[in-house]
Amino acid sequence: MKEKSALILEEEEKFAVTLASQVINKPQLSLWMILIPIFFVFYFNNLSKYKNGCKIFAENYIIDKKRALNEAVEVVNKGREPDIRALAELSNMNSKAREKQANILALLVEHYTILLNSDGEDFASLIRAAYGSLTNYLLFVNRLNLAEKEVNKALKPNIEGPNEEINDIVSSMEDQSEKLRRE
């Protein structure tokens, strides 16, 4: 059980880091930085901010995944029903978004429970054993993507900042998440 949950967590962490690197804009090195060395200071400062931003993004993105995985381990080990309401209450969201987040958490706990009850040496083999076919896995992925879009839709009105920028970031997250999951 520990090995399987470690495989799942490792895969979720890789996903979060990859998503962060695709959503957050990395500073670009330019010719001016080579010609005028003082610009390197600004570049490395921006690069440091980028790396820190990716780290923080990934850490925050994975919080609910870890909670859902821990709940799934408890469900499998103790044979009890998952307490999705308690998990959702841990989220720092408005009540409308929390209701939508409960749907994601339920999907994740179900997904992780299926994976934990499957046989496999690595994450890919767990997925194959759990879902049996690409179609079945893609159905889960579609359900998860739709649930995430519902949460994002409920959260957007409470996010401070320019609406266009927020929409672009959320859209990028959704698109990249979907792409990564399908891969």
C-alpha atoms as a PDB file:
ATOM      1  CA  MET A   1       0.000   0.000   0.000  1.00  0.00           C
ATOM      2  CA  LYS A   2       2.806   2.414   0.899  1.00  0.00           C
ATOM      3  CA  GLU A   3       4.610   1.700  -2.364  1.00  0.00           C
ATOM      4  CA  LYS A   4       1.479   2.285  -4.437  1.00  0.00           C
ATOM      5  CA  SER A   5       0.580   5.485  -2.618  1.00  0.00           C
ATOM      6  CA  ALA A   6       4.186   6.687  -3.041  1.00  0.00           C
ATOM      7  CA  LEU A   7       3.978   5.972  -6.797  1.00  0.00           C
ATOM      8  CA  ILE A   8       0.709   7.872  -7.054  1.00  0.00           C
ATOM      9  CA  LEU A   9       2.004  10.831  -5.034  1.00  0.00           C
ATOM     10  CA  GLU A  10       5.217  10.948  -7.064  1.00  0.00           C
ATOM     11  CA  GLU A  11       3.206  11.058 -10.297  1.00  0.00           C
ATOM     12  CA  GLU A  12       0.915  13.800  -8.950  1.00  0.00           C
ATOM     13  CA  GLU A  13       3.940  15.842  -7.851  1.00  0.00           C
ATOM     14  CA  LYS A  14       5.532  15.484 -11.302  1.00  0.00           C
ATOM     15  CA  PHE A  15       2.247  16.554 -12.859  1.00  0.00           C
ATOM     16  CA  ALA A  16       2.058  19.635 -10.604  1.00  0.00           C
ATOM     17  CA  VAL A  17       5.645  20.678 -11.375  1.00  0.00           C
ATOM     18  CA  THR A  18       5.148  20.188 -15.114  1.00  0.00           C
ATOM     19  CA  LEU A  19       1.871  22.100 -15.043  1.00  0.00           C
ATOM     20  CA  ALA A  20       3.512  24.953 -13.126  1.00  0.00           C
ATOM     21  CA  SER A  21       6.341  25.182 -15.640  1.00  0.00           C
ATOM     22  CA  GLN A  22       3.847  25.372 -18.502  1.00  0.00           C
ATOM     23  CA  VAL A  23       1.486  27.881 -16.895  1.00  0.00           C
ATOM     24  CA  ILE A  24       4.023  30.289 -15.399  1.00  0.00           C
ATOM     25  CA  ASN A  25       6.040  32.276 -17.927  1.00  0.00           C
ATOM     26  CA  LYS A  26       9.763  31.580 -17.737  1.00  0.00           C
ATOM     27  CA  PRO A  27      12.013  34.615 -18.228  1.00  0.00           C
ATOM     28  CA  GLN A  28      13.875  34.574 -21.529  1.00  0.00           C
ATOM     29  CA  LEU A  29      17.545  35.230 -21.959  1.00  0.00           C
ATOM     30  CA  SER A  30      18.182  37.929 -24.538  1.00  0.00           C
ATOM     31  CA  LEU A  31      21.120  39.260 -26.489  1.00  0.00           C
ATOM     32  CA  TRP A  32      21.128  42.424 -24.346  1.00  0.00           C
ATOM     33  CA  MET A  33      21.890  40.367 -21.293  1.00  0.00           C
ATOM     34  CA  ILE A  34      24.997  39.026 -22.971  1.00  0.00           C
ATOM     35  CA  LEU A  35      26.120  42.412 -24.253  1.00  0.00           C
ATOM     36  CA  ILE A  36      25.363  44.323 -21.061  1.00  0.00           C
ATOM     37  CA  PRO A  37      26.184  42.071 -18.081  1.00  0.00           C
ATOM     38  CA  ILE A  38      24.224  44.149 -15.557  1.00  0.00           C
ATOM     39  CA  PHE A  39      21.054  42.814 -17.193  1.00  0.00           C
ATOM     40  CA  PHE A  40      22.100  39.340 -16.043  1.00  0.00           C
ATOM     41  CA  VAL A  41      21.301  40.440 -12.495  1.00  0.00           C
ATOM     42  CA  PHE A  42      17.718  41.198 -13.518  1.00  0.00           C
ATOM     43  CA  TYR A  43      17.482  37.964 -15.487  1.00  0.00           C
ATOM     44  CA  PHE A  44      18.673  35.835 -12.576  1.00  0.00           C
ATOM     45  CA  ASN A  45      16.372  37.694 -10.219  1.00  0.00           C
ATOM     46  CA  ASN A  46      13.433  36.974 -12.525  1.00  0.00           C
ATOM     47  CA  LEU A  47      14.583  33.364 -12.956  1.00  0.00           C
ATOM     48  CA  SER A  48      14.687  32.984  -9.184  1.00  0.00           C
ATOM     49  CA  LYS A  49      11.146  34.387  -8.928  1.00  0.00           C
ATOM     50  CA  TYR A  50      10.037  31.968 -11.662  1.00  0.00           C
ATOM     51  CA  LYS A  51      11.517  28.947  -9.873  1.00  0.00           C
ATOM     52  CA  ASN A  52      10.015  30.031  -6.553  1.00  0.00           C
ATOM     53  CA  GLY A  53       6.645  30.673  -8.226  1.00  0.00           C
ATOM     54  CA  CYS A  54       6.679  27.206  -9.809  1.00  0.00           C
ATOM     55  CA  LYS A  55       7.534  25.631  -6.460  1.00  0.00           C
ATOM     56  CA  ILE A  56       4.738  27.470  -4.639  1.00  0.00           C
ATOM     57  CA  PHE A  57       2.245  26.711  -7.434  1.00  0.00           C
ATOM     58  CA  ALA A  58       3.094  22.986  -7.344  1.00  0.00           C
ATOM     59  CA  GLU A  59       2.938  22.833  -3.532  1.00  0.00           C
ATOM     60  CA  ASN A  60      -0.493  24.473  -3.463  1.00  0.00           C
ATOM     61  CA  TYR A  61      -1.787  22.474  -6.429  1.00  0.00           C
ATOM     62  CA  ILE A  62      -0.933  19.179  -4.759  1.00  0.00           C
ATOM     63  CA  ILE A  63      -2.548  19.880  -1.362  1.00  0.00           C
ATOM     64  CA  ASP A  64      -5.973  18.491  -2.227  1.00  0.00           C
ATOM     65  CA  LYS A  65      -4.420  15.611  -4.165  1.00  0.00           C
ATOM     66  CA  LYS A  66      -2.487  14.579  -1.044  1.00  0.00           C
ATOM     67  CA  ARG A  67      -5.602  14.840   1.082  1.00  0.00           C
ATOM     68  CA  ALA A  68      -7.594  12.729  -1.367  1.00  0.00           C
ATOM     69  CA  LEU A  69      -4.813  10.137  -1.560  1.00  0.00           C
ATOM     70  CA  ASN A  70      -4.592   9.912   2.239  1.00  0.00           C
ATOM     71  CA  GLU A  71      -8.361   9.466   2.382  1.00  0.00           C
ATOM     72  CA  ALA A  72      -8.192   6.721  -0.263  1.00  0.00           C
ATOM     73  CA  VAL A  73      -5.495   4.913   1.737  1.00  0.00           C
ATOM     74  CA  GLU A  74      -7.746   5.074   4.805  1.00  0.00           C
ATOM     75  CA  VAL A  75     -10.709   3.803   2.778  1.00  0.00           C
ATOM     76  CA  VAL A  76      -8.709   0.833   1.496  1.00  0.00           C
ATOM     77  CA  ASN A  77      -7.013   0.050   4.810  1.00  0.00           C
ATOM     78  CA  LYS A  78     -10.070   0.383   7.023  1.00  0.00           C
ATOM     79  CA  GLY A  79     -12.801  -0.557   4.551  1.00  0.00           C
ATOM     80  CA  ARG A  80     -14.864   2.524   5.347  1.00  0.00           C
ATOM     81  CA  GLU A  81     -16.688   5.025   3.192  1.00  0.00           C
ATOM     82  CA  PRO A  82     -14.785   8.192   2.256  1.00  0.00           C
ATOM     83  CA  ASP A  83     -15.639  11.387   4.136  1.00  0.00           C
ATOM     84  CA  ILE A  84     -15.691  13.817   1.224  1.00  0.00           C
ATOM     85  CA  ARG A  85     -17.489  16.522   3.196  1.00  0.00           C
ATOM     86  CA  ALA A  86     -14.692  16.629   5.782  1.00  0.00           C
ATOM     87  CA  LEU A  87     -12.084  16.798   3.018  1.00  0.00           C
ATOM     88  CA  ALA A  88     -13.914  19.623   1.279  1.00  0.00           C
ATOM     89  CA  GLU A  89     -14.173  21.558   4.541  1.00  0.00           C
ATOM     90  CA  LEU A  90     -10.370  21.671   4.677  1.00  0.00           C
ATOM     91  CA  SER A  91     -10.319  23.708   1.459  1.00  0.00           C
ATOM     92  CA  ASN A  92     -10.048  27.453   1.858  1.00  0.00           C
ATOM     93  CA  MET A  93     -12.806  28.376  -0.612  1.00  0.00           C
ATOM     94  CA  ASN A  94     -16.192  30.001  -0.675  1.00  0.00           C
ATOM     95  CA  SER A  95     -19.145  27.673  -0.109  1.00  0.00           C
ATOM     96  CA  LYS A  96     -20.123  27.479  -3.797  1.00  0.00           C
ATOM     97  CA  ALA A  97     -16.587  26.536  -4.850  1.00  0.00           C
ATOM     98  CA  ARG A  98     -16.276  24.130  -1.915  1.00  0.00           C
ATOM     99  CA  GLU A  99     -19.316  22.215  -3.170  1.00  0.00           C
ATOM    100  CA  LYS A 100     -17.668  21.924  -6.584  1.00  0.00           C
ATOM    101  CA  GLN A 101     -14.348  20.990  -4.948  1.00  0.00           C
ATOM    102  CA  ALA A 102     -16.133  18.140  -3.180  1.00  0.00           C
ATOM    103  CA  ASN A 103     -16.895  16.681  -6.621  1.00  0.00           C
ATOM    104  CA  ILE A 104     -13.189  16.726  -7.531  1.00  0.00           C
ATOM    105  CA  LEU A 105     -12.246  15.205  -4.206  1.00  0.00           C
ATOM    106  CA  ALA A 106     -14.817  12.428  -4.650  1.00  0.00           C
ATOM    107  CA  LEU A 107     -13.453  11.687  -8.130  1.00  0.00           C
ATOM    108  CA  LEU A 108      -9.877  11.669  -6.864  1.00  0.00           C
ATOM    109  CA  VAL A 109     -10.636   9.432  -3.878  1.00  0.00           C
ATOM    110  CA  GLU A 110     -12.478   7.028  -6.188  1.00  0.00           C
ATOM    111  CA  HIS A 111      -9.565   7.124  -8.678  1.00  0.00           C
ATOM    112  CA  TYR A 112      -6.902   6.617  -6.016  1.00  0.00           C
ATOM    113  CA  THR A 113      -8.894   3.818  -4.389  1.00  0.00           C
ATOM    114  CA  ILE A 114      -9.119   2.014  -7.709  1.00  0.00           C
ATOM    115  CA  LEU A 115      -5.370   2.487  -8.247  1.00  0.00           C
ATOM    116  CA  LEU A 116      -4.531   1.298  -4.734  1.00  0.00           C
ATOM    117  CA  ASN A 117      -6.590  -1.848  -5.305  1.00  0.00           C
ATOM    118  CA  SER A 118      -4.845  -2.551  -8.622  1.00  0.00           C
ATOM    119  CA  ASP A 119      -1.640  -4.430  -9.311  1.00  0.00           C
ATOM    120  CA  GLY A 120       1.314  -2.754 -10.942  1.00  0.00           C
ATOM    121  CA  GLU A 121       5.011  -2.051 -10.662  1.00  0.00           C
ATOM    122  CA  ASP A 122       4.808   1.599 -11.719  1.00  0.00           C
ATOM    123  CA  PHE A 123       2.171   4.281 -12.162  1.00  0.00           C
ATOM    124  CA  ALA A 124       1.482   3.435 -15.810  1.00  0.00           C
ATOM    125  CA  SER A 125       0.873  -0.227 -14.996  1.00  0.00           C
ATOM    126  CA  LEU A 126      -1.433   0.770 -12.128  1.00  0.00           C
ATOM    127  CA  ILE A 127      -3.466   2.885 -14.568  1.00  0.00           C
ATOM    128  CA  ARG A 128      -3.623   0.057 -17.114  1.00  0.00           C
ATOM    129  CA  ALA A 129      -4.667  -2.468 -14.475  1.00  0.00           C
ATOM    130  CA  ALA A 130      -7.217  -0.122 -12.906  1.00  0.00           C
ATOM    131  CA  TYR A 131      -8.961   1.073 -16.059  1.00  0.00           C
ATOM    132  CA  GLY A 132      -8.373  -1.792 -18.478  1.00  0.00           C
ATOM    133  CA  SER A 133      -8.622   0.400 -21.566  1.00  0.00           C
ATOM    134  CA  LEU A 134      -7.659   3.820 -22.767  1.00  0.00           C
ATOM    135  CA  THR A 135     -11.325   4.680 -23.233  1.00  0.00           C
ATOM    136  CA  ASN A 136     -12.153   3.988 -19.588  1.00  0.00           C
ATOM    137  CA  TYR A 137      -9.204   6.076 -18.407  1.00  0.00           C
ATOM    138  CA  LEU A 138     -10.102   8.948 -20.740  1.00  0.00           C
ATOM    139  CA  LEU A 139     -13.662   8.903 -19.385  1.00  0.00           C
ATOM    140  CA  PHE A 140     -12.228   9.467 -15.907  1.00  0.00           C
ATOM    141  CA  VAL A 141      -9.913  12.209 -17.231  1.00  0.00           C
ATOM    142  CA  ASN A 142     -12.864  13.960 -18.884  1.00  0.00           C
ATOM    143  CA  ARG A 143     -14.887  13.824 -15.673  1.00  0.00           C
ATOM    144  CA  LEU A 144     -11.958  15.273 -13.717  1.00  0.00           C
ATOM    145  CA  ASN A 145     -11.342  18.033 -16.269  1.00  0.00           C
ATOM    146  CA  LEU A 146     -15.020  19.039 -16.205  1.00  0.00           C
ATOM    147  CA  ALA A 147     -15.067  19.047 -12.397  1.00  0.00           C
ATOM    148  CA  GLU A 148     -11.959  21.261 -12.308  1.00  0.00           C
ATOM    149  CA  LYS A 149     -13.546  23.686 -14.763  1.00  0.00           C
ATOM    150  CA  GLU A 150     -16.592  23.943 -12.492  1.00  0.00           C
ATOM    151  CA  VAL A 151     -14.388  24.783  -9.498  1.00  0.00           C
ATOM    152  CA  ASN A 152     -12.453  27.361 -11.504  1.00  0.00           C
ATOM    153  CA  LYS A 153     -15.701  28.919 -12.694  1.00  0.00           C
ATOM    154  CA  ALA A 154     -16.893  29.207  -9.082  1.00  0.00           C
ATOM    155  CA  LEU A 155     -13.568  30.660  -7.924  1.00  0.00           C
ATOM    156  CA  LYS A 156     -12.997  33.256 -10.665  1.00  0.00           C
ATOM    157  CA  PRO A 157     -15.338  35.927  -9.243  1.00  0.00           C
ATOM    158  CA  ASN A 158     -13.384  35.928  -5.958  1.00  0.00           C
ATOM    159  CA  ILE A 159      -9.916  36.250  -7.497  1.00  0.00           C
ATOM    160  CA  GLU A 160      -8.513  39.764  -7.423  1.00  0.00           C
ATOM    161  CA  GLY A 161      -6.956  41.097 -10.568  1.00  0.00           C
ATOM    162  CA  PRO A 162      -7.794  41.959 -14.167  1.00  0.00           C
ATOM    163  CA  ASN A 163     -10.500  39.623 -15.500  1.00  0.00           C
ATOM    164  CA  GLU A 164      -8.748  39.093 -18.828  1.00  0.00           C
ATOM    165  CA  GLU A 165      -5.507  38.051 -17.130  1.00  0.00           C
ATOM    166  CA  ILE A 166      -7.343  35.734 -14.732  1.00  0.00           C
ATOM    167  CA  ASN A 167      -9.267  34.157 -17.610  1.00  0.00           C
ATOM    168  CA  ASP A 168      -6.020  33.614 -19.544  1.00  0.00           C
ATOM    169  CA  ILE A 169      -4.292  31.953 -16.592  1.00  0.00           C
ATOM    170  CA  VAL A 170      -7.254  29.731 -15.742  1.00  0.00           C
ATOM    171  CA  SER A 171      -7.703  28.798 -19.389  1.00  0.00           C
ATOM    172  CA  SER A 172      -4.011  27.948 -19.658  1.00  0.00           C
ATOM    173  CA  MET A 173      -4.201  25.776 -16.527  1.00  0.00           C
ATOM    174  CA  GLU A 174      -7.239  23.935 -17.834  1.00  0.00           C
ATOM    175  CA  ASP A 175      -5.758  23.403 -21.311  1.00  0.00           C
ATOM    176  CA  GLN A 176      -2.377  22.261 -20.027  1.00  0.00           C
ATOM    177  CA  SER A 177      -3.940  19.961 -17.394  1.00  0.00           C
ATOM    178  CA  GLU A 178      -6.089  18.303 -20.024  1.00  0.00           C
ATOM    179  CA  LYS A 179      -3.134  17.927 -22.394  1.00  0.00           C
ATOM    180  CA  LEU A 180      -0.872  16.457 -19.708  1.00  0.00           C
ATOM    181  CA  ARG A 181      -3.510  13.990 -18.545  1.00  0.00           C
ATOM    182  CA  ARG A 182      -4.144  12.774 -22.065  1.00  0.00           C
ATOM    183  CA  GLU A 183      -0.426  12.249 -22.579  1.00  0.00           C
END
